[in-house]
């Protein structure tokens, strides 16, 4: 049972992938995928914990800048603006060459008003019916 009211997230694809490639945990990509799944399933607390765990032991991870941005987004969803600000400032200070620094600067300058990612369409595409011609 997950601790303190957290629900289980059905992340079968990353889990299956990680069991087939166990060394993938070492480069941070698995953590990034898990974090994205957590946000997609509206579990930002788990995303913060996942990213924080990896960044605590592997600050030189190739996905560290992406994890910090994901962590900041999750903190914003949790309405933890001071923590998100600190996370974005850490991204700017620790990874100045990252292409994500412009995103972090924009988020900080706009007061987090421009942090929303584009919404996916909720409608399900339907197949076009084939037109059949009578013989």
Foldseek 3Di string as FASTA:
>chain_A
DDPDPDDDQPPPVLVVVCVVPVCVVVQCPSLLSVLVSCVVVVNLVVLLVSLVVCCVPCVPRPCNLVSLLSNLVSCVSVVNNVVSLVSLVCSCVVPVPDPCVVVSVVCVVVVNPPVDDDDDDPDDDDDDDDDDDDD
